[in-house]
Amino acid sequence: MKKFSMSDALALIQIILTVLLAILILLQGRGAGLSSAFGGVGRTFQTRRGVERVFFGATIILAVLLVISIMVSVAV
């Protein structure tokens, strides 16, 4: 049986983080896309509340963790 190397573990972590990040991005609210920048109907400024705030914070944290894991895997 093959043992996991450090690069295998980092690759697995990156896959998991990428899937979770994609899910969180897709779960976030619609209407904040590029259409408002090109003359589409834009939303007025709103503060994030409840689950939307949790998703936003988790998205930032997962993105930072993904970047850190990529930087570590390049260094290894």
PDB file of N, CA and C in Angstrom:
ATOM      1  N   MET A   1       0.832  -1.170   0.000  1.00  0.00           N
ATOM      2  CA  MET A   1       0.000   0.000   0.000  1.00  0.00           C
ATOM      3  C   MET A   1       0.888   1.249   0.000  1.00  0.00           C
ATOM      4  N   LYS A   2       0.569   2.174  -0.887  1.00  0.00           N
ATOM      5  CA  LYS A   2       1.368   3.388  -1.038  1.00  0.00           C
ATOM      6  C   LYS A   2       1.018   4.389   0.055  1.00  0.00           C
ATOM      7  N   LYS A   3       2.035   4.995   0.647  1.00  0.00           N
ATOM      8  CA  LYS A   3       1.809   6.031   1.640  1.00  0.00           C
ATOM      9  C   LYS A   3       1.605   7.373   0.946  1.00  0.00           C
ATOM     10  N   PHE A   4       0.814   8.214   1.592  1.00  0.00           N
ATOM     11  CA  PHE A   4       0.603   9.555   1.067  1.00  0.00           C
ATOM     12  C   PHE A   4       1.846  10.390   1.295  1.00  0.00           C
ATOM     13  N   SER A   5       2.279  11.054   0.252  1.00  0.00           N
ATOM     14  CA  SER A   5       3.392  11.995   0.398  1.00  0.00           C
ATOM     15  C   SER A   5       2.810  13.377   0.709  1.00  0.00           C
ATOM     16  N   MET A   6       3.685  14.303   0.994  1.00  0.00           N
ATOM     17  CA  MET A   6       3.251  15.667   1.289  1.00  0.00           C
ATOM     18  C   MET A   6       2.553  16.290   0.089  1.00  0.00           C
ATOM     19  N   SER A   7       3.045  16.041  -1.102  1.00  0.00           N
ATOM     20  CA  SER A   7       2.419  16.608  -2.295  1.00  0.00           C
ATOM     21  C   SER A   7       1.043  15.988  -2.559  1.00  0.00           C
ATOM     22  N   ASP A   8       0.886  14.697  -2.235  1.00  0.00           N
ATOM     23  CA  ASP A   8      -0.433  14.068  -2.371  1.00  0.00           C
ATOM     24  C   ASP A   8      -1.434  14.676  -1.403  1.00  0.00           C
ATOM     25  N   ALA A   9      -1.001  14.907  -0.172  1.00  0.00           N
ATOM     26  CA  ALA A   9      -1.884  15.497   0.827  1.00  0.00           C
ATOM     27  C   ALA A   9      -2.271  16.919   0.433  1.00  0.00           C
ATOM     28  N   LEU A  10      -1.310  17.684  -0.070  1.00  0.00           N
ATOM     29  CA  LEU A  10      -1.612  19.047  -0.499  1.00  0.00           C
ATOM     30  C   LEU A  10      -2.563  19.060  -1.695  1.00  0.00           C
ATOM     31  N   ALA A  11      -2.388  18.128  -2.607  1.00  0.00           N
ATOM     32  CA  ALA A  11      -3.286  18.048  -3.761  1.00  0.00           C
ATOM     33  C   ALA A  11      -4.711  17.722  -3.319  1.00  0.00           C
ATOM     34  N   LEU A  12      -4.841  16.817  -2.370  1.00  0.00           N
ATOM     35  CA  LEU A  12      -6.162  16.467  -1.848  1.00  0.00           C
ATOM     36  C   LEU A  12      -6.801  17.657  -1.133  1.00  0.00           C
ATOM     37  N   ILE A  13      -6.020  18.367  -0.357  1.00  0.00           N
ATOM     38  CA  ILE A  13      -6.523  19.557   0.331  1.00  0.00           C
ATOM     39  C   ILE A  13      -6.971  20.609  -0.676  1.00  0.00           C
ATOM     40  N   GLN A  14      -6.205  20.789  -1.741  1.00  0.00           N
ATOM     41  CA  GLN A  14      -6.563  21.775  -2.758  1.00  0.00           C
ATOM     42  C   GLN A  14      -7.847  21.394  -3.484  1.00  0.00           C
ATOM     43  N   ILE A  15      -8.026  20.127  -3.750  1.00  0.00           N
ATOM     44  CA  ILE A  15      -9.260  19.682  -4.409  1.00  0.00           C
ATOM     45  C   ILE A  15     -10.457  19.947  -3.517  1.00  0.00           C
ATOM     46  N   ILE A  16     -10.339  19.602  -2.241  1.00  0.00           N
ATOM     47  CA  ILE A  16     -11.445  19.810  -1.299  1.00  0.00           C
ATOM     48  C   ILE A  16     -11.757  21.298  -1.158  1.00  0.00           C
ATOM     49  N   LEU A  17     -10.716  22.129  -1.004  1.00  0.00           N
ATOM     50  CA  LEU A  17     -10.932  23.567  -0.875  1.00  0.00           C
ATOM     51  C   LEU A  17     -11.566  24.159  -2.132  1.00  0.00           C
ATOM     52  N   THR A  18     -11.146  23.684  -3.287  1.00  0.00           N
ATOM     53  CA  THR A  18     -11.701  24.196  -4.542  1.00  0.00           C
ATOM     54  C   THR A  18     -13.179  23.852  -4.689  1.00  0.00           C
ATOM     55  N   VAL A  19     -13.545  22.630  -4.355  1.00  0.00           N
ATOM     56  CA  VAL A  19     -14.948  22.222  -4.445  1.00  0.00           C
ATOM     57  C   VAL A  19     -15.801  23.019  -3.459  1.00  0.00           C
ATOM     58  N   LEU A  20     -15.319  23.164  -2.224  1.00  0.00           N
ATOM     59  CA  LEU A  20     -16.066  23.939  -1.231  1.00  0.00           C
ATOM     60  C   LEU A  20     -16.193  25.398  -1.636  1.00  0.00           C
ATOM     61  N   LEU A  21     -15.130  25.953  -2.198  1.00  0.00           N
ATOM     62  CA  LEU A  21     -15.162  27.340  -2.644  1.00  0.00           C
ATOM     63  C   LEU A  21     -16.172  27.529  -3.782  1.00  0.00           C
ATOM     64  N   ALA A  22     -16.192  26.612  -4.713  1.00  0.00           N
ATOM     65  CA  ALA A  22     -17.149  26.695  -5.826  1.00  0.00           C
ATOM     66  C   ALA A  22     -18.586  26.604  -5.317  1.00  0.00           C
ATOM     67  N   ILE A  23     -18.832  25.722  -4.364  1.00  0.00           N
ATOM     68  CA  ILE A  23     -20.178  25.578  -3.800  1.00  0.00           C
ATOM     69  C   ILE A  23     -20.598  26.864  -3.095  1.00  0.00           C
ATOM     70  N   LEU A  24     -19.696  27.437  -2.301  1.00  0.00           N
ATOM     71  CA  LEU A  24     -20.034  28.675  -1.604  1.00  0.00           C
ATOM     72  C   LEU A  24     -20.297  29.822  -2.565  1.00  0.00           C
ATOM     73  N   ILE A  25     -19.520  29.902  -3.622  1.00  0.00           N
ATOM     74  CA  ILE A  25     -19.736  30.969  -4.603  1.00  0.00           C
ATOM     75  C   ILE A  25     -21.088  30.804  -5.289  1.00  0.00           C
ATOM     76  N   LEU A  26     -21.443  29.573  -5.611  1.00  0.00           N
ATOM     77  CA  LEU A  26     -22.727  29.337  -6.272  1.00  0.00           C
ATOM     78  C   LEU A  26     -23.913  29.568  -5.339  1.00  0.00           C
ATOM     79  N   LEU A  27     -23.719  29.390  -4.047  1.00  0.00           N
ATOM     80  CA  LEU A  27     -24.806  29.594  -3.096  1.00  0.00           C
ATOM     81  C   LEU A  27     -25.056  31.063  -2.779  1.00  0.00           C
ATOM     82  N   GLN A  28     -24.115  31.916  -3.115  1.00  0.00           N
ATOM     83  CA  GLN A  28     -24.296  33.332  -2.808  1.00  0.00           C
ATOM     84  C   GLN A  28     -25.331  33.947  -3.729  1.00  0.00           C
ATOM     85  N   GLY A  29     -25.870  35.077  -3.295  1.00  0.00           N
ATOM     86  CA  GLY A  29     -26.971  35.728  -3.990  1.00  0.00           C
ATOM     87  C   GLY A  29     -26.658  36.124  -5.411  1.00  0.00           C
ATOM     88  N   ARG A  30     -27.669  36.141  -6.208  1.00  0.00           N
ATOM     89  CA  ARG A  30     -27.547  36.552  -7.611  1.00  0.00           C
ATOM     90  C   ARG A  30     -27.718  38.058  -7.716  1.00  0.00           C
ATOM     91  N   GLY A  31     -27.413  38.622  -8.879  1.00  0.00           N
ATOM     92  CA  GLY A  31     -27.672  40.028  -9.130  1.00  0.00           C
ATOM     93  C   GLY A  31     -26.498  40.945  -8.840  1.00  0.00           C
ATOM     94  N   ALA A  32     -25.397  40.414  -8.374  1.00  0.00           N
ATOM     95  CA  ALA A  32     -24.251  41.265  -8.084  1.00  0.00           C
ATOM     96  C   ALA A  32     -23.172  41.101  -9.142  1.00  0.00           C
ATOM     97  N   GLY A  33     -23.561  40.628 -10.302  1.00  0.00           N
ATOM     98  CA  GLY A  33     -22.586  40.323 -11.343  1.00  0.00           C
ATOM     99  C   GLY A  33     -22.214  41.527 -12.170  1.00  0.00           C
ATOM    100  N   LEU A  34     -21.660  41.272 -13.339  1.00  0.00           N
ATOM    101  CA  LEU A  34     -21.166  42.334 -14.206  1.00  0.00           C
ATOM    102  C   LEU A  34     -22.272  43.096 -14.921  1.00  0.00           C
ATOM    103  N   SER A  35     -23.490  42.582 -14.896  1.00  0.00           N
ATOM    104  CA  SER A  35     -24.563  43.269 -15.616  1.00  0.00           C
ATOM    105  C   SER A  35     -24.803  44.670 -15.067  1.00  0.00           C
ATOM    106  N   SER A  36     -24.622  44.857 -13.769  1.00  0.00           N
ATOM    107  CA  SER A  36     -24.829  46.186 -13.200  1.00  0.00           C
ATOM    108  C   SER A  36     -23.729  47.150 -13.629  1.00  0.00           C
ATOM    109  N   ALA A  37     -22.546  46.643 -13.953  1.00  0.00           N
ATOM    110  CA  ALA A  37     -21.452  47.502 -14.384  1.00  0.00           C
ATOM    111  C   ALA A  37     -21.653  48.002 -15.809  1.00  0.00           C
ATOM    112  N   PHE A  38     -22.439  47.296 -16.596  1.00  0.00           N
ATOM    113  CA  PHE A  38     -22.650  47.669 -17.988  1.00  0.00           C
ATOM    114  C   PHE A  38     -24.060  48.196 -18.238  1.00  0.00           C
ATOM    115  N   GLY A  39     -24.630  48.863 -17.251  1.00  0.00           N
ATOM    116  CA  GLY A  39     -25.911  49.518 -17.452  1.00  0.00           C
ATOM    117  C   GLY A  39     -27.108  48.675 -17.078  1.00  0.00           C
ATOM    118  N   GLY A  40     -26.899  47.500 -16.559  1.00  0.00           N
ATOM    119  CA  GLY A  40     -28.021  46.678 -16.123  1.00  0.00           C
ATOM    120  C   GLY A  40     -28.602  47.222 -14.834  1.00  0.00           C
ATOM    121  N   VAL A  41     -29.655  46.612 -14.408  1.00  0.00           N
ATOM    122  CA  VAL A  41     -30.296  47.040 -13.176  1.00  0.00           C
ATOM    123  C   VAL A  41     -29.406  46.630 -12.010  1.00  0.00           C
ATOM    124  N   GLY A  42     -28.966  47.612 -11.248  1.00  0.00           N
ATOM    125  CA  GLY A  42     -28.083  47.339 -10.116  1.00  0.00           C
ATOM    126  C   GLY A  42     -28.851  47.338  -8.810  1.00  0.00           C
ATOM    127  N   ARG A  43     -28.292  46.683  -7.837  1.00  0.00           N
ATOM    128  CA  ARG A  43     -28.901  46.670  -6.514  1.00  0.00           C
ATOM    129  C   ARG A  43     -28.350  47.848  -5.722  1.00  0.00           C
ATOM    130  N   THR A  44     -29.151  48.320  -4.818  1.00  0.00           N
ATOM    131  CA  THR A  44     -28.648  49.343  -3.909  1.00  0.00           C
ATOM    132  C   THR A  44     -27.790  48.663  -2.854  1.00  0.00           C
ATOM    133  N   PHE A  45     -26.976  49.456  -2.168  1.00  0.00           N
ATOM    134  CA  PHE A  45     -26.075  48.906  -1.171  1.00  0.00           C
ATOM    135  C   PHE A  45     -26.868  48.319  -0.017  1.00  0.00           C
ATOM    136  N   GLN A  46     -26.526  47.103   0.348  1.00  0.00           N
ATOM    137  CA  GLN A  46     -27.153  46.441   1.487  1.00  0.00           C
ATOM    138  C   GLN A  46     -26.069  45.836   2.351  1.00  0.00           C
ATOM    139  N   THR A  47     -26.315  45.805   3.629  1.00  0.00           N
ATOM    140  CA  THR A  47     -25.391  45.090   4.497  1.00  0.00           C
ATOM    141  C   THR A  47     -25.740  43.615   4.484  1.00  0.00           C
ATOM    142  N   ARG A  48     -24.720  42.799   4.628  1.00  0.00           N
ATOM    143  CA  ARG A  48     -24.948  41.360   4.638  1.00  0.00           C
ATOM    144  C   ARG A  48     -25.449  40.951   6.010  1.00  0.00           C
ATOM    145  N   ARG A  49     -26.424  40.067   6.019  1.00  0.00           N
ATOM    146  CA  ARG A  49     -26.986  39.615   7.282  1.00  0.00           C
ATOM    147  C   ARG A  49     -27.151  38.108   7.268  1.00  0.00           C
ATOM    148  N   GLY A  50     -27.060  37.523   8.432  1.00  0.00           N
ATOM    149  CA  GLY A  50     -27.362  36.112   8.616  1.00  0.00           C
ATOM    150  C   GLY A  50     -26.462  35.196   7.811  1.00  0.00           C
ATOM    151  N   VAL A  51     -27.108  34.315   7.069  1.00  0.00           N
ATOM    152  CA  VAL A  51     -26.399  33.293   6.310  1.00  0.00           C
ATOM    153  C   VAL A  51     -25.539  33.913   5.220  1.00  0.00           C
ATOM    154  N   GLU A  52     -26.003  35.016   4.637  1.00  0.00           N
ATOM    155  CA  GLU A  52     -25.229  35.678   3.582  1.00  0.00           C
ATOM    156  C   GLU A  52     -23.883  36.168   4.116  1.00  0.00           C
ATOM    157  N   ARG A  53     -23.861  36.660   5.336  1.00  0.00           N
ATOM    158  CA  ARG A  53     -22.619  37.109   5.954  1.00  0.00           C
ATOM    159  C   ARG A  53     -21.692  35.924   6.211  1.00  0.00           C
ATOM    160  N   VAL A  54     -22.250  34.809   6.664  1.00  0.00           N
ATOM    161  CA  VAL A  54     -21.453  33.601   6.918  1.00  0.00           C
ATOM    162  C   VAL A  54     -20.855  33.086   5.617  1.00  0.00           C
ATOM    163  N   PHE A  55     -21.652  33.029   4.550  1.00  0.00           N
ATOM    164  CA  PHE A  55     -21.149  32.570   3.251  1.00  0.00           C
ATOM    165  C   PHE A  55     -20.040  33.482   2.748  1.00  0.00           C
ATOM    166  N   PHE A  56     -20.212  34.790   2.903  1.00  0.00           N
ATOM    167  CA  PHE A  56     -19.213  35.749   2.435  1.00  0.00           C
ATOM    168  C   PHE A  56     -17.894  35.563   3.182  1.00  0.00           C
ATOM    169  N   GLY A  57     -17.974  35.463   4.496  1.00  0.00           N
ATOM    170  CA  GLY A  57     -16.763  35.267   5.299  1.00  0.00           C
ATOM    171  C   GLY A  57     -16.095  33.939   5.016  1.00  0.00           C
ATOM    172  N   ALA A  58     -16.897  32.875   4.877  1.00  0.00           N
ATOM    173  CA  ALA A  58     -16.342  31.559   4.583  1.00  0.00           C
ATOM    174  C   ALA A  58     -15.685  31.527   3.204  1.00  0.00           C
ATOM    175  N   THR A  59     -16.244  32.260   2.246  1.00  0.00           N
ATOM    176  CA  THR A  59     -15.657  32.325   0.910  1.00  0.00           C
ATOM    177  C   THR A  59     -14.275  32.969   0.957  1.00  0.00           C
ATOM    178  N   ILE A  60     -14.159  34.044   1.710  1.00  0.00           N
ATOM    179  CA  ILE A  60     -12.860  34.714   1.830  1.00  0.00           C
ATOM    180  C   ILE A  60     -11.852  33.798   2.519  1.00  0.00           C
ATOM    181  N   ILE A  61     -12.260  33.159   3.603  1.00  0.00           N
ATOM    182  CA  ILE A  61     -11.358  32.270   4.334  1.00  0.00           C
ATOM    183  C   ILE A  61     -10.910  31.102   3.463  1.00  0.00           C
ATOM    184  N   LEU A  62     -11.844  30.479   2.744  1.00  0.00           N
ATOM    185  CA  LEU A  62     -11.475  29.354   1.876  1.00  0.00           C
ATOM    186  C   LEU A  62     -10.556  29.796   0.744  1.00  0.00           C
ATOM    187  N   ALA A  63     -10.792  30.982   0.193  1.00  0.00           N
ATOM    188  CA  ALA A  63      -9.923  31.480  -0.878  1.00  0.00           C
ATOM    189  C   ALA A  63      -8.507  31.714  -0.364  1.00  0.00           C
ATOM    190  N   VAL A  64      -8.388  32.281   0.823  1.00  0.00           N
ATOM    191  CA  VAL A  64      -7.061  32.512   1.403  1.00  0.00           C
ATOM    192  C   VAL A  64      -6.369  31.185   1.691  1.00  0.00           C
ATOM    193  N   LEU A  65      -7.110  30.218   2.255  1.00  0.00           N
ATOM    194  CA  LEU A  65      -6.526  28.902   2.524  1.00  0.00           C
ATOM    195  C   LEU A  65      -6.081  28.212   1.243  1.00  0.00           C
ATOM    196  N   LEU A  66      -6.853  28.366   0.164  1.00  0.00           N
ATOM    197  CA  LEU A  66      -6.475  27.768  -1.111  1.00  0.00           C
ATOM    198  C   LEU A  66      -5.189  28.393  -1.647  1.00  0.00           C
ATOM    199  N   VAL A  67      -5.086  29.707  -1.575  1.00  0.00           N
ATOM    200  CA  VAL A  67      -3.875  30.382  -2.040  1.00  0.00           C
ATOM    201  C   VAL A  67      -2.665  29.943  -1.210  1.00  0.00           C
ATOM    202  N   ILE A  68      -2.842  29.846   0.104  1.00  0.00           N
ATOM    203  CA  ILE A  68      -1.742  29.406   0.967  1.00  0.00           C
ATOM    204  C   ILE A  68      -1.329  27.982   0.636  1.00  0.00           C
ATOM    205  N   SER A  69      -2.301  27.098   0.424  1.00  0.00           N
ATOM    206  CA  SER A  69      -1.953  25.704   0.098  1.00  0.00           C
ATOM    207  C   SER A  69      -1.246  25.600  -1.253  1.00  0.00           C
ATOM    208  N   ILE A  70      -1.619  26.448  -2.194  1.00  0.00           N
ATOM    209  CA  ILE A  70      -0.943  26.456  -3.499  1.00  0.00           C
ATOM    210  C   ILE A  70       0.502  26.950  -3.343  1.00  0.00           C
ATOM    211  N   MET A  71       0.673  27.999  -2.533  1.00  0.00           N
ATOM    212  CA  MET A  71       2.022  28.522  -2.315  1.00  0.00           C
ATOM    213  C   MET A  71       2.909  27.488  -1.616  1.00  0.00           C
ATOM    214  N   VAL A  72       2.344  26.741  -0.681  1.00  0.00           N
ATOM    215  CA  VAL A  72       3.102  25.690   0.019  1.00  0.00           C
ATOM    216  C   VAL A  72       3.451  24.575  -0.950  1.00  0.00           C
ATOM    217  N   SER A  73       2.500  24.188  -1.814  1.00  0.00           N
ATOM    218  CA  SER A  73       2.774  23.096  -2.739  1.00  0.00           C
ATOM    219  C   SER A  73       3.827  23.485  -3.785  1.00  0.00           C
ATOM    220  N   VAL A  74       3.902  24.746  -4.150  1.00  0.00           N
ATOM    221  CA  VAL A  74       4.932  25.195  -5.081  1.00  0.00           C
ATOM    222  C   VAL A  74       6.291  25.177  -4.385  1.00  0.00           C
ATOM    223  N   ALA A  75       6.312  25.512  -3.104  1.00  0.00           N
ATOM    224  CA  ALA A  75       7.573  25.537  -2.348  1.00  0.00           C
ATOM    225  C   ALA A  75       8.105  24.136  -2.036  1.00  0.00           C
ATOM    226  N   VAL A  76       7.214  23.151  -2.015  1.00  0.00           N
ATOM    227  CA  VAL A  76       7.635  21.781  -1.660  1.00  0.00           C
ATOM    228  C   VAL A  76       8.196  21.063  -2.828  1.00  0.00           C
TER     229      VAL A  76
END
